[in-house]
Amino acid sequence: MSRVRTVPRWGVSLSVAAVVAAFGIASAQSPSPGRLLVLLRDASALAIVDPASGAVLGRVPTGRDPHEVTASADGRLAFVASMVDGISVIDIAAQEEIRRVDPGPGSRTHDVLFAEGKVYFTIEGHKSIGRYDPSTNEIEWTLEIGQEGTHLLVLDEDTNTMFVPNTRSNSVTMIEGVMGGPSASTLTVIPVPGDLPEGIDLSPDGREIWTATRNDGGVSIIDVASRRVVETLDLGLKDANRLKFTPDGRVLIIDGEAASLVVMDAASRSEIKRVTLGSMDTGDGAVLVARDGTRAFLGLRSADRVAVVDLNTLEVTQEMPMGDGAGPGCMYWIGAS
């Protein structure tokens, strides 16, 4: 077990009164149903996309070098993590940034996750995570992880447990009681035998964490109950940086250099298919599984497009151009599935 302690709280831009007023205005508006939020990493912008037609309905500038995006449960606010400029809070209906959260110099915020009205985020520069309350514009607490490359966030709300891959420490941190804050949290560091664990997800039954180890082409499987790696798979991947489960228990791994989507059966650990995504390296791509489990959206950064894969046929059925130099990456779905 690792000792839990907090790191200093940093300031947040704008007065609380102004922010609460802005939050009230945003809450009074209703977002359009069924929208895909696509983070345009190379354009430092967030695209709001009609998933049916693939049309980009609007672009909102964000902080520089943005990496991940999430949204409030009601679909009214988006939150974009920038490795340079903190967290952009965006009114989706108005298509504008309404405030910027500044976690302090050198924080390098990478991932964001919305749960129970709060935004959890990684503070890679300080080996920590934090929690932000958008209704009060307060960073409520920060929690030191103590591992290098604190990168992504996976939350099991049923058990109040969070999992964080630490890319440069070759480990995954399991945080039990995370919603209770630092005083209620217990940290366990789980060593990963592979090199550079990055893409990560929790199985639908909550029993396993799978993480793709980017530098050696494999996958490490963690048994949640025993808190240890129980199996490693050598898949011969060339640059796997994102991994997601489907509701029916399949695993989707985007392999950037090979420009392919690897589809696996989690129960048998067997490969089902590799879906070709073109001849171009996807360049730090991303994968999002639709809530109804029928489709997967793939952000192909180097190709400046989002590809849609039918999860029944395992074929690419649609491509959505994002514009030259856009560099689509992380995505999030709001509204009806």
C-alpha atoms as a PDB file:
ATOM      1  CA  MET A   1       0.000   0.000   0.000  1.00  0.00           C
ATOM      2  CA  SER A   2       1.110   3.543  -0.724  1.00  0.00           C
ATOM      3  CA  ARG A   3       0.715   6.321   1.755  1.00  0.00           C
ATOM      4  CA  VAL A   4      -1.973   8.869   0.850  1.00  0.00           C
ATOM      5  CA  ARG A   5      -1.301  12.571   1.140  1.00  0.00           C
ATOM      6  CA  THR A   6      -2.483  15.689  -0.605  1.00  0.00           C
ATOM      7  CA  VAL A   7      -0.491  18.118  -2.705  1.00  0.00           C
ATOM      8  CA  PRO A   8      -1.076  21.897  -2.542  1.00  0.00           C
ATOM      9  CA  ARG A   9      -4.322  23.337  -3.905  1.00  0.00           C
ATOM     10  CA  TRP A  10      -3.780  25.833  -6.682  1.00  0.00           C
ATOM     11  CA  GLY A  11      -5.826  28.818  -7.739  1.00  0.00           C
ATOM     12  CA  VAL A  12      -8.662  28.756 -10.280  1.00  0.00           C
ATOM     13  CA  SER A  13      -9.383  31.629 -12.697  1.00  0.00           C
ATOM     14  CA  LEU A  14     -12.542  33.833 -12.485  1.00  0.00           C
ATOM     15  CA  SER A  15     -14.615  34.698  -9.444  1.00  0.00           C
ATOM     16  CA  VAL A  16     -16.978  32.107  -8.052  1.00  0.00           C
ATOM     17  CA  ALA A  17     -19.964  34.439  -8.472  1.00  0.00           C
ATOM     18  CA  ALA A  18     -19.257  34.946 -12.162  1.00  0.00           C
ATOM     19  CA  VAL A  19     -18.781  31.257 -12.712  1.00  0.00           C
ATOM     20  CA  VAL A  20     -21.978  30.242 -10.928  1.00  0.00           C
ATOM     21  CA  ALA A  21     -23.861  32.771 -13.074  1.00  0.00           C
ATOM     22  CA  ALA A  22     -22.347  31.311 -16.233  1.00  0.00           C
ATOM     23  CA  PHE A  23     -23.140  27.794 -15.043  1.00  0.00           C
ATOM     24  CA  GLY A  24     -26.773  28.812 -14.491  1.00  0.00           C
ATOM     25  CA  ILE A  25     -27.050  30.182 -18.012  1.00  0.00           C
ATOM     26  CA  ALA A  26     -25.615  26.989 -19.456  1.00  0.00           C
ATOM     27  CA  SER A  27     -27.967  24.840 -17.384  1.00  0.00           C
ATOM     28  CA  ALA A  28     -30.995  26.717 -18.719  1.00  0.00           C
ATOM     29  CA  GLN A  29     -30.211  25.646 -22.266  1.00  0.00           C
ATOM     30  CA  SER A  30     -30.952  22.246 -23.764  1.00  0.00           C
ATOM     31  CA  PRO A  31     -28.287  20.554 -25.877  1.00  0.00           C
ATOM     32  CA  SER A  32     -29.057  18.887 -29.174  1.00  0.00           C
ATOM     33  CA  PRO A  33     -29.503  15.113 -28.752  1.00  0.00           C
ATOM     34  CA  GLY A  34     -27.079  12.602 -30.175  1.00  0.00           C
ATOM     35  CA  ARG A  35     -23.907  14.623 -30.646  1.00  0.00           C
ATOM     36  CA  LEU A  36     -20.344  13.394 -30.942  1.00  0.00           C
ATOM     37  CA  LEU A  37     -17.670  15.555 -29.322  1.00  0.00           C
ATOM     38  CA  VAL A  38     -14.361  15.181 -31.145  1.00  0.00           C
ATOM     39  CA  LEU A  39     -11.189  16.685 -29.755  1.00  0.00           C
ATOM     40  CA  LEU A  40      -9.064  18.180 -32.548  1.00  0.00           C
ATOM     41  CA  ARG A  41      -5.611  17.916 -31.055  1.00  0.00           C
ATOM     42  CA  ASP A  42      -3.604  19.586 -33.806  1.00  0.00           C
ATOM     43  CA  ALA A  43      -6.109  22.440 -34.182  1.00  0.00           C
ATOM     44  CA  SER A  44      -6.497  22.992 -30.388  1.00  0.00           C
ATOM     45  CA  ALA A  45     -10.265  22.866 -30.744  1.00  0.00           C
ATOM     46  CA  LEU A  46     -13.331  20.803 -29.916  1.00  0.00           C
ATOM     47  CA  ALA A  47     -15.621  19.776 -32.788  1.00  0.00           C
ATOM     48  CA  ILE A  48     -19.339  19.187 -32.254  1.00  0.00           C
ATOM     49  CA  VAL A  49     -20.396  16.587 -34.810  1.00  0.00           C
ATOM     50  CA  ASP A  50     -23.705  15.204 -36.077  1.00  0.00           C
ATOM     51  CA  PRO A  51     -22.958  11.452 -35.982  1.00  0.00           C
ATOM     52  CA  ALA A  52     -25.611  10.609 -38.575  1.00  0.00           C
ATOM     53  CA  SER A  53     -24.241  12.816 -41.350  1.00  0.00           C
ATOM     54  CA  GLY A  54     -20.694  13.296 -40.081  1.00  0.00           C
ATOM     55  CA  ALA A  55     -21.103  17.063 -40.438  1.00  0.00           C
ATOM     56  CA  VAL A  56     -19.086  19.302 -38.132  1.00  0.00           C
ATOM     57  CA  LEU A  57     -21.691  21.616 -36.574  1.00  0.00           C
ATOM     58  CA  GLY A  58     -19.209  23.833 -34.807  1.00  0.00           C
ATOM     59  CA  ARG A  59     -15.685  24.248 -33.492  1.00  0.00           C
ATOM     60  CA  VAL A  60     -14.716  25.722 -30.144  1.00  0.00           C
ATOM     61  CA  PRO A  61     -11.104  26.779 -29.420  1.00  0.00           C
ATOM     62  CA  THR A  62      -9.503  25.092 -26.394  1.00  0.00           C
ATOM     63  CA  GLY A  63      -6.206  25.271 -24.557  1.00  0.00           C
ATOM     64  CA  ARG A  64      -3.026  24.295 -26.375  1.00  0.00           C
ATOM     65  CA  ASP A  65      -2.056  20.646 -26.792  1.00  0.00           C
ATOM     66  CA  PRO A  66      -5.456  19.238 -25.739  1.00  0.00           C
ATOM     67  CA  HIS A  67      -5.583  15.496 -25.063  1.00  0.00           C
ATOM     68  CA  GLU A  68      -8.891  14.300 -23.586  1.00  0.00           C
ATOM     69  CA  VAL A  69     -12.547  15.397 -23.382  1.00  0.00           C
ATOM     70  CA  THR A  70     -15.569  14.521 -21.264  1.00  0.00           C
ATOM     71  CA  ALA A  71     -18.983  16.087 -20.609  1.00  0.00           C
ATOM     72  CA  SER A  72     -21.467  16.639 -17.810  1.00  0.00           C
ATOM     73  CA  ALA A  73     -24.203  14.051 -17.373  1.00  0.00           C
ATOM     74  CA  ASP A  74     -26.811  16.421 -18.834  1.00  0.00           C
ATOM     75  CA  GLY A  75     -24.673  17.051 -21.928  1.00  0.00           C
ATOM     76  CA  ARG A  76     -24.545  20.805 -21.431  1.00  0.00           C
ATOM     77  CA  LEU A  77     -20.903  21.303 -20.504  1.00  0.00           C
ATOM     78  CA  ALA A  78     -17.766  19.791 -22.006  1.00  0.00           C
ATOM     79  CA  PHE A  79     -14.410  19.657 -20.245  1.00  0.00           C
ATOM     80  CA  VAL A  80     -11.178  19.515 -22.258  1.00  0.00           C
ATOM     81  CA  ALA A  81      -7.792  18.784 -20.663  1.00  0.00           C
ATOM     82  CA  SER A  82      -4.842  20.697 -22.116  1.00  0.00           C
ATOM     83  CA  MET A  83      -1.267  19.695 -21.320  1.00  0.00           C
ATOM     84  CA  VAL A  84      -0.363  23.415 -21.356  1.00  0.00           C
ATOM     85  CA  ASP A  85      -3.377  25.492 -20.362  1.00  0.00           C
ATOM     86  CA  GLY A  86      -5.393  23.491 -17.815  1.00  0.00           C
ATOM     87  CA  ILE A  87      -9.052  22.576 -18.358  1.00  0.00           C
ATOM     88  CA  SER A  88     -11.400  24.356 -20.770  1.00  0.00           C
ATOM     89  CA  VAL A  89     -15.054  24.438 -19.701  1.00  0.00           C
ATOM     90  CA  ILE A  90     -17.259  24.680 -22.792  1.00  0.00           C
ATOM     91  CA  ASP A  91     -20.946  25.507 -23.152  1.00  0.00           C
ATOM     92  CA  ILE A  92     -21.933  23.026 -25.860  1.00  0.00           C
ATOM     93  CA  ALA A  93     -25.183  24.705 -26.931  1.00  0.00           C
ATOM     94  CA  ALA A  94     -23.569  28.156 -27.170  1.00  0.00           C
ATOM     95  CA  GLN A  95     -20.392  26.640 -28.671  1.00  0.00           C
ATOM     96  CA  GLU A  96     -18.067  28.728 -26.554  1.00  0.00           C
ATOM     97  CA  GLU A  97     -15.539  28.351 -23.766  1.00  0.00           C
ATOM     98  CA  ILE A  98     -17.020  29.931 -20.661  1.00  0.00           C
ATOM     99  CA  ARG A  99     -14.039  29.548 -18.343  1.00  0.00           C
ATOM    100  CA  ARG A 100     -10.599  28.023 -17.920  1.00  0.00           C
ATOM    101  CA  VAL A 101      -9.513  26.056 -14.858  1.00  0.00           C
ATOM    102  CA  ASP A 102      -5.840  26.583 -14.016  1.00  0.00           C
ATOM    103  CA  PRO A 103      -4.327  23.815 -11.834  1.00  0.00           C
ATOM    104  CA  GLY A 104      -1.002  25.679 -11.687  1.00  0.00           C
ATOM    105  CA  PRO A 105       2.375  25.775 -13.432  1.00  0.00           C
ATOM    106  CA  GLY A 106       3.706  22.465 -14.731  1.00  0.00           C
ATOM    107  CA  SER A 107       0.504  20.552 -13.962  1.00  0.00           C
ATOM    108  CA  ARG A 108       0.175  18.949 -17.438  1.00  0.00           C
ATOM    109  CA  THR A 109      -3.490  17.944 -17.146  1.00  0.00           C
ATOM    110  CA  HIS A 110      -4.047  14.961 -19.442  1.00  0.00           C
ATOM    111  CA  ASP A 111      -7.335  13.121 -18.776  1.00  0.00           C
ATOM    112  CA  VAL A 112     -10.757  14.231 -17.526  1.00  0.00           C
ATOM    113  CA  LEU A 113     -13.647  12.120 -16.218  1.00  0.00           C
ATOM    114  CA  PHE A 114     -17.089  13.330 -15.063  1.00  0.00           C
ATOM    115  CA  ALA A 115     -18.856  11.497 -12.222  1.00  0.00           C
ATOM    116  CA  GLU A 116     -21.567  12.530  -9.748  1.00  0.00           C
ATOM    117  CA  GLY A 117     -21.326  16.204 -10.663  1.00  0.00           C
ATOM    118  CA  LYS A 118     -17.539  16.454 -10.341  1.00  0.00           C
ATOM    119  CA  VAL A 119     -14.633  16.409 -12.810  1.00  0.00           C
ATOM    120  CA  TYR A 120     -11.692  14.137 -11.982  1.00  0.00           C
ATOM    121  CA  PHE A 121      -8.457  14.896 -13.823  1.00  0.00           C
ATOM    122  CA  THR A 122      -4.859  13.722 -14.008  1.00  0.00           C
ATOM    123  CA  ILE A 123      -2.040  16.085 -13.051  1.00  0.00           C
ATOM    124  CA  GLU A 124       0.763  14.333 -14.855  1.00  0.00           C
ATOM    125  CA  GLY A 125       3.374  16.970 -14.043  1.00  0.00           C
ATOM    126  CA  HIS A 126       2.862  16.459 -10.307  1.00  0.00           C
ATOM    127  CA  LYS A 127       2.201  12.679 -10.286  1.00  0.00           C
ATOM    128  CA  SER A 128      -1.299  13.348  -8.986  1.00  0.00           C
ATOM    129  CA  ILE A 129      -5.011  13.423  -9.704  1.00  0.00           C
ATOM    130  CA  GLY A 130      -7.518  16.090  -8.721  1.00  0.00           C
ATOM    131  CA  ARG A 131     -11.240  16.773  -8.437  1.00  0.00           C
ATOM    132  CA  TYR A 132     -12.969  19.915  -9.661  1.00  0.00           C
ATOM    133  CA  ASP A 133     -16.517  21.075  -8.870  1.00  0.00           C
ATOM    134  CA  PRO A 134     -17.934  23.040 -11.830  1.00  0.00           C
ATOM    135  CA  SER A 135     -20.868  24.390  -9.795  1.00  0.00           C
ATOM    136  CA  THR A 136     -18.550  26.272  -7.422  1.00  0.00           C
ATOM    137  CA  ASN A 137     -15.494  26.604  -9.693  1.00  0.00           C
ATOM    138  CA  GLU A 138     -13.328  24.981  -7.017  1.00  0.00           C
ATOM    139  CA  ILE A 139     -10.572  22.401  -7.210  1.00  0.00           C
ATOM    140  CA  GLU A 140     -11.741  20.504  -4.148  1.00  0.00           C
ATOM    141  CA  TRP A 141      -8.707  18.307  -3.609  1.00  0.00           C
ATOM    142  CA  THR A 142      -5.662  16.751  -5.152  1.00  0.00           C
ATOM    143  CA  LEU A 143      -4.223  13.323  -4.371  1.00  0.00           C
ATOM    144  CA  GLU A 144      -0.602  12.352  -4.929  1.00  0.00           C
ATOM    145  CA  ILE A 145      -0.115   9.095  -6.826  1.00  0.00           C
ATOM    146  CA  GLY A 146       3.677   9.201  -6.690  1.00  0.00           C
ATOM    147  CA  GLN A 147       4.181   7.427 -10.032  1.00  0.00           C
ATOM    148  CA  GLU A 148       5.636   8.806 -13.261  1.00  0.00           C
ATOM    149  CA  GLY A 149       3.282   9.465 -16.164  1.00  0.00           C
ATOM    150  CA  THR A 150      -0.080   9.534 -14.377  1.00  0.00           C
ATOM    151  CA  HIS A 151      -2.057   9.368 -17.593  1.00  0.00           C
ATOM    152  CA  LEU A 152      -5.666   8.127 -17.913  1.00  0.00           C
ATOM    153  CA  LEU A 153      -8.632   7.519 -15.596  1.00  0.00           C
ATOM    154  CA  VAL A 154     -11.015   4.563 -15.356  1.00  0.00           C
ATOM    155  CA  LEU A 155     -13.718   4.635 -12.666  1.00  0.00           C
ATOM    156  CA  ASP A 156     -15.875   1.822 -11.328  1.00  0.00           C
ATOM    157  CA  GLU A 157     -18.677   3.839  -9.733  1.00  0.00           C
ATOM    158  CA  ASP A 158     -20.267   0.698  -8.247  1.00  0.00           C
ATOM    159  CA  THR A 159     -17.232   0.054  -6.050  1.00  0.00           C
ATOM    160  CA  ASN A 160     -15.927   3.649  -5.827  1.00  0.00           C
ATOM    161  CA  THR A 161     -12.602   2.516  -7.271  1.00  0.00           C
ATOM    162  CA  MET A 162     -10.405   4.293  -9.808  1.00  0.00           C
ATOM    163  CA  PHE A 163      -7.580   2.869 -11.934  1.00  0.00           C
ATOM    164  CA  VAL A 164      -4.727   5.008 -13.290  1.00  0.00           C
ATOM    165  CA  PRO A 165      -1.992   3.755 -15.656  1.00  0.00           C
ATOM    166  CA  ASN A 166       1.413   5.286 -14.947  1.00  0.00           C
ATOM    167  CA  THR A 167       3.205   5.163 -18.281  1.00  0.00           C
ATOM    168  CA  ARG A 168       6.778   5.816 -17.224  1.00  0.00           C
ATOM    169  CA  SER A 169       6.621   3.820 -13.985  1.00  0.00           C
ATOM    170  CA  ASN A 170       5.179   0.720 -15.704  1.00  0.00           C
ATOM    171  CA  SER A 171       2.411   0.417 -13.156  1.00  0.00           C
ATOM    172  CA  VAL A 172      -1.311   0.846 -12.575  1.00  0.00           C
ATOM    173  CA  THR A 173      -2.529   2.555  -9.407  1.00  0.00           C
ATOM    174  CA  MET A 174      -5.779   1.283  -7.885  1.00  0.00           C
ATOM    175  CA  ILE A 175      -7.505   3.925  -5.739  1.00  0.00           C
ATOM    176  CA  GLU A 176     -10.239   2.545  -3.502  1.00  0.00           C
ATOM    177  CA  GLY A 177     -12.682   5.037  -1.957  1.00  0.00           C
ATOM    178  CA  VAL A 178     -11.651   7.700  -4.461  1.00  0.00           C
ATOM    179  CA  MET A 179     -14.891   9.696  -4.325  1.00  0.00           C
ATOM    180  CA  GLY A 180     -14.381  10.266  -0.630  1.00  0.00           C
ATOM    181  CA  GLY A 181     -11.224  12.246  -1.285  1.00  0.00           C
ATOM    182  CA  PRO A 182      -7.684  11.787   0.051  1.00  0.00           C
ATOM    183  CA  SER A 183      -8.642  10.982   3.642  1.00  0.00           C
ATOM    184  CA  ALA A 184     -10.945   8.131   2.543  1.00  0.00           C
ATOM    185  CA  SER A 185      -8.768   6.717  -0.242  1.00  0.00           C
ATOM    186  CA  THR A 186      -6.434   3.729  -0.236  1.00  0.00           C
ATOM    187  CA  LEU A 187      -3.798   3.371  -2.961  1.00  0.00           C
ATOM    188  CA  THR A 188      -2.317   0.142  -4.300  1.00  0.00           C
ATOM    189  CA  VAL A 189       0.441   0.250  -6.916  1.00  0.00           C
ATOM    190  CA  ILE A 190       0.259  -2.752  -9.258  1.00  0.00           C
ATOM    191  CA  PRO A 191       3.485  -3.364 -11.249  1.00  0.00           C
ATOM    192  CA  VAL A 192       2.948  -4.106 -14.934  1.00  0.00           C
ATOM    193  CA  PRO A 193       5.548  -6.337 -16.657  1.00  0.00           C
ATOM    194  CA  GLY A 194       5.030  -4.699 -20.048  1.00  0.00           C
ATOM    195  CA  ASP A 195       6.623  -1.460 -21.208  1.00  0.00           C
ATOM    196  CA  LEU A 196       4.563   1.758 -21.074  1.00  0.00           C
ATOM    197  CA  PRO A 197       0.992   0.876 -20.035  1.00  0.00           C
ATOM    198  CA  GLU A 198      -1.340   3.459 -21.550  1.00  0.00           C
ATOM    199  CA  GLY A 199      -4.649   2.339 -23.083  1.00  0.00           C
ATOM    200  CA  ILE A 200      -6.790   0.922 -20.286  1.00  0.00           C
ATOM    201  CA  ASP A 201     -10.347  -0.184 -19.505  1.00  0.00           C
ATOM    202  CA  LEU A 202     -12.400  -2.169 -17.001  1.00  0.00           C
ATOM    203  CA  SER A 203     -14.280  -5.287 -18.083  1.00  0.00           C
ATOM    204  CA  PRO A 204     -18.103  -5.008 -18.018  1.00  0.00           C
ATOM    205  CA  ASP A 205     -18.300  -7.336 -14.995  1.00  0.00           C
ATOM    206  CA  GLY A 206     -15.735  -5.258 -13.094  1.00  0.00           C
ATOM    207  CA  ARG A 207     -13.388  -8.192 -12.533  1.00  0.00           C
ATOM    208  CA  GLU A 208     -10.499  -7.339 -14.851  1.00  0.00           C
ATOM    209  CA  ILE A 209      -8.486  -4.329 -15.923  1.00  0.00           C
ATOM    210  CA  TRP A 210      -6.816  -4.619 -19.339  1.00  0.00           C
ATOM    211  CA  THR A 211      -3.985  -2.286 -20.287  1.00  0.00           C
ATOM    212  CA  ALA A 212      -2.105  -2.137 -23.591  1.00  0.00           C
ATOM    213  CA  THR A 213       1.645  -1.767 -23.107  1.00  0.00           C
ATOM    214  CA  ARG A 214       2.557   0.554 -25.904  1.00  0.00           C
ATOM    215  CA  ASN A 215       6.274  -0.091 -26.297  1.00  0.00           C
ATOM    216  CA  ASP A 216       6.215  -3.896 -26.470  1.00  0.00           C
ATOM    217  CA  GLY A 217       3.029  -4.692 -28.393  1.00  0.00           C
ATOM    218  CA  GLY A 218       1.269  -6.561 -25.619  1.00  0.00           C
ATOM    219  CA  VAL A 219      -1.573  -6.429 -23.122  1.00  0.00           C
ATOM    220  CA  SER A 220      -1.424  -6.948 -19.357  1.00  0.00           C
ATOM    221  CA  ILE A 221      -4.542  -8.268 -17.586  1.00  0.00           C
ATOM    222  CA  ILE A 222      -5.071  -7.356 -13.924  1.00  0.00           C
ATOM    223  CA  ASP A 223      -7.358  -9.329 -11.634  1.00  0.00           C
ATOM    224  CA  VAL A 224      -9.113  -6.622  -9.599  1.00  0.00           C
ATOM    225  CA  ALA A 225      -9.804  -8.845  -6.576  1.00  0.00           C
ATOM    226  CA  SER A 226      -6.186  -9.958  -6.136  1.00  0.00           C
ATOM    227  CA  ARG A 227      -4.730  -6.626  -7.317  1.00  0.00           C
ATOM    228  CA  ARG A 228      -2.108  -8.217  -9.547  1.00  0.00           C
ATOM    229  CA  VAL A 229      -1.337  -8.989 -13.186  1.00  0.00           C
ATOM    230  CA  VAL A 230      -2.543 -12.526 -13.874  1.00  0.00           C
ATOM    231  CA  GLU A 231      -1.835 -12.761 -17.596  1.00  0.00           C
ATOM    232  CA  THR A 232       0.082 -11.027 -20.357  1.00  0.00           C
ATOM    233  CA  LEU A 233      -0.662 -11.321 -24.062  1.00  0.00           C
ATOM    234  CA  ASP A 234       1.924 -10.836 -26.795  1.00  0.00           C
ATOM    235  CA  LEU A 235      -0.176  -9.524 -29.693  1.00  0.00           C
ATOM    236  CA  GLY A 236       2.642  -8.191 -31.840  1.00  0.00           C
ATOM    237  CA  LEU A 237       1.119  -4.709 -31.818  1.00  0.00           C
ATOM    238  CA  LYS A 238       3.213  -1.876 -33.184  1.00  0.00           C
ATOM    239  CA  ASP A 239       1.876   1.110 -31.246  1.00  0.00           C
ATOM    240  CA  ALA A 240      -1.239   0.359 -29.206  1.00  0.00           C
ATOM    241  CA  ASN A 241      -2.253   3.440 -27.256  1.00  0.00           C
ATOM    242  CA  ARG A 242      -5.989   3.009 -26.629  1.00  0.00           C
ATOM    243  CA  LEU A 243      -8.091   0.051 -25.479  1.00  0.00           C
ATOM    244  CA  LYS A 244     -11.839  -0.198 -24.817  1.00  0.00           C
ATOM    245  CA  PHE A 245     -14.303  -2.917 -23.844  1.00  0.00           C
ATOM    246  CA  THR A 246     -17.626  -3.323 -25.630  1.00  0.00           C
ATOM    247  CA  PRO A 247     -20.748  -4.089 -23.546  1.00  0.00           C
ATOM    248  CA  ASP A 248     -20.709  -7.715 -24.773  1.00  0.00           C
ATOM    249  CA  GLY A 249     -17.177  -8.345 -23.533  1.00  0.00           C
ATOM    250  CA  ARG A 250     -15.049  -7.804 -26.600  1.00  0.00           C
ATOM    251  CA  VAL A 251     -11.891  -5.694 -26.460  1.00  0.00           C
ATOM    252  CA  LEU A 252     -11.016  -3.056 -29.064  1.00  0.00           C
ATOM    253  CA  ILE A 253      -7.378  -1.973 -29.353  1.00  0.00           C
ATOM    254  CA  ILE A 254      -6.297   0.739 -31.745  1.00  0.00           C
ATOM    255  CA  ASP A 255      -2.830  -0.008 -33.160  1.00  0.00           C
ATOM    256  CA  GLY A 256      -1.500   3.267 -34.484  1.00  0.00           C
ATOM    257  CA  GLU A 257       1.554   2.345 -36.532  1.00  0.00           C
ATOM    258  CA  ALA A 258      -0.268  -0.623 -38.103  1.00  0.00           C
ATOM    259  CA  ALA A 259      -3.342   1.547 -38.839  1.00  0.00           C
ATOM    260  CA  SER A 260      -5.692  -1.139 -37.590  1.00  0.00           C
ATOM    261  CA  LEU A 261      -8.321  -1.916 -34.964  1.00  0.00           C
ATOM    262  CA  VAL A 262      -7.686  -5.206 -33.174  1.00  0.00           C
ATOM    263  CA  VAL A 263     -10.880  -6.922 -31.988  1.00  0.00           C
ATOM    264  CA  MET A 264     -10.523  -9.584 -29.282  1.00  0.00           C
ATOM    265  CA  ASP A 265     -12.781 -11.901 -27.316  1.00  0.00           C
ATOM    266  CA  ALA A 266     -11.916 -11.172 -23.700  1.00  0.00           C
ATOM    267  CA  ALA A 267     -13.138 -14.473 -22.285  1.00  0.00           C
ATOM    268  CA  SER A 268     -11.055 -16.705 -24.573  1.00  0.00           C
ATOM    269  CA  ARG A 269      -8.198 -14.161 -24.994  1.00  0.00           C
ATOM    270  CA  SER A 270      -8.434 -14.841 -28.731  1.00  0.00           C
ATOM    271  CA  GLU A 271      -8.209 -12.416 -31.623  1.00  0.00           C
ATOM    272  CA  ILE A 272     -11.365 -12.086 -33.713  1.00  0.00           C
ATOM    273  CA  LYS A 273     -10.256  -9.686 -36.444  1.00  0.00           C
ATOM    274  CA  ARG A 274      -7.963  -6.842 -37.363  1.00  0.00           C
ATOM    275  CA  VAL A 275      -9.893  -4.084 -39.116  1.00  0.00           C
ATOM    276  CA  THR A 276      -7.746  -2.125 -41.576  1.00  0.00           C
ATOM    277  CA  LEU A 277      -8.041   1.638 -41.181  1.00  0.00           C
ATOM    278  CA  GLY A 278      -6.016   2.675 -44.219  1.00  0.00           C
ATOM    279  CA  SER A 279      -2.344   2.892 -45.056  1.00  0.00           C
ATOM    280  CA  MET A 280      -1.503   5.825 -42.781  1.00  0.00           C
ATOM    281  CA  ASP A 281      -0.310   5.611 -39.173  1.00  0.00           C
ATOM    282  CA  THR A 282      -3.280   6.735 -37.055  1.00  0.00           C
ATOM    283  CA  GLY A 283      -0.979   8.918 -34.957  1.00  0.00           C
ATOM    284  CA  ASP A 284      -2.070   8.640 -31.310  1.00  0.00           C
ATOM    285  CA  GLY A 285      -5.588   7.626 -32.316  1.00  0.00           C
ATOM    286  CA  ALA A 286      -8.544   7.059 -30.027  1.00  0.00           C
ATOM    287  CA  VAL A 287     -11.533   4.724 -29.748  1.00  0.00           C
ATOM    288  CA  LEU A 288     -15.024   5.356 -28.388  1.00  0.00           C
ATOM    289  CA  VAL A 289     -17.706   2.676 -28.110  1.00  0.00           C
ATOM    290  CA  ALA A 290     -21.284   3.888 -28.621  1.00  0.00           C
ATOM    291  CA  ARG A 291     -23.493   3.437 -25.571  1.00  0.00           C
ATOM    292  CA  ASP A 292     -25.707   0.910 -27.333  1.00  0.00           C
ATOM    293  CA  GLY A 293     -22.664  -1.154 -28.318  1.00  0.00           C
ATOM    294  CA  THR A 294     -23.442  -1.120 -32.049  1.00  0.00           C
ATOM    295  CA  ARG A 295     -20.601   1.098 -33.277  1.00  0.00           C
ATOM    296  CA  ALA A 296     -17.088   2.182 -32.481  1.00  0.00           C
ATOM    297  CA  PHE A 297     -15.768   5.634 -33.379  1.00  0.00           C
ATOM    298  CA  LEU A 298     -12.062   5.844 -34.149  1.00  0.00           C
ATOM    299  CA  GLY A 299     -10.194   9.139 -34.068  1.00  0.00           C
ATOM    300  CA  LEU A 300      -7.502   8.848 -36.752  1.00  0.00           C
ATOM    301  CA  ARG A 301      -5.246  11.767 -35.956  1.00  0.00           C
ATOM    302  CA  SER A 302      -2.822  11.570 -38.884  1.00  0.00           C
ATOM    303  CA  ALA A 303      -5.639  11.016 -41.394  1.00  0.00           C
ATOM    304  CA  ASP A 304      -7.749  13.942 -40.099  1.00  0.00           C
ATOM    305  CA  ARG A 305     -10.901  11.834 -39.970  1.00  0.00           C
ATOM    306  CA  VAL A 306     -13.122   9.789 -37.683  1.00  0.00           C
ATOM    307  CA  ALA A 307     -13.919   6.267 -38.880  1.00  0.00           C
ATOM    308  CA  VAL A 308     -17.041   4.411 -37.757  1.00  0.00           C
ATOM    309  CA  VAL A 309     -16.900   0.620 -37.373  1.00  0.00           C
ATOM    310  CA  ASP A 310     -20.061  -1.496 -37.277  1.00  0.00           C
ATOM    311  CA  LEU A 311     -19.493  -3.829 -34.317  1.00  0.00           C
ATOM    312  CA  ASN A 312     -21.751  -6.498 -35.803  1.00  0.00           C
ATOM    313  CA  THR A 313     -20.010  -6.768 -39.185  1.00  0.00           C
ATOM    314  CA  LEU A 314     -16.619  -5.395 -38.049  1.00  0.00           C
ATOM    315  CA  GLU A 315     -16.427  -3.226 -41.152  1.00  0.00           C
ATOM    316  CA  VAL A 316     -15.824   0.506 -41.570  1.00  0.00           C
ATOM    317  CA  THR A 317     -19.198   1.945 -42.565  1.00  0.00           C
ATOM    318  CA  GLN A 318     -18.618   5.698 -42.406  1.00  0.00           C
ATOM    319  CA  GLU A 319     -15.824   8.238 -42.474  1.00  0.00           C
ATOM    320  CA  MET A 320     -16.103  11.765 -41.106  1.00  0.00           C
ATOM    321  CA  PRO A 321     -13.517  14.296 -42.366  1.00  0.00           C
ATOM    322  CA  MET A 322     -12.519  16.779 -39.662  1.00  0.00           C
ATOM    323  CA  GLY A 323     -10.560  19.161 -41.894  1.00  0.00           C
ATOM    324  CA  ASP A 324      -6.905  19.369 -42.876  1.00  0.00           C
ATOM    325  CA  GLY A 325      -4.586  19.628 -39.887  1.00  0.00           C
ATOM    326  CA  ALA A 326      -7.340  18.927 -37.369  1.00  0.00           C
ATOM    327  CA  GLY A 327      -5.818  15.790 -35.836  1.00  0.00           C
ATOM    328  CA  PRO A 328      -8.924  14.163 -34.298  1.00  0.00           C
ATOM    329  CA  GLY A 329      -8.282  12.171 -31.132  1.00  0.00           C
ATOM    330  CA  CYS A 330     -10.337  11.586 -27.998  1.00  0.00           C
ATOM    331  CA  MET A 331     -14.132  11.606 -28.368  1.00  0.00           C
ATOM    332  CA  TYR A 332     -17.193  11.664 -26.132  1.00  0.00           C
ATOM    333  CA  TRP A 333     -20.874  11.017 -26.806  1.00  0.00           C
ATOM    334  CA  ILE A 334     -23.693  13.196 -25.472  1.00  0.00           C
ATOM    335  CA  GLY A 335     -27.457  12.841 -25.798  1.00  0.00           C
ATOM    336  CA  ALA A 336     -29.396   9.883 -27.163  1.00  0.00           C
ATOM    337  CA  SER A 337     -27.403   6.863 -28.308  1.00  0.00           C
END
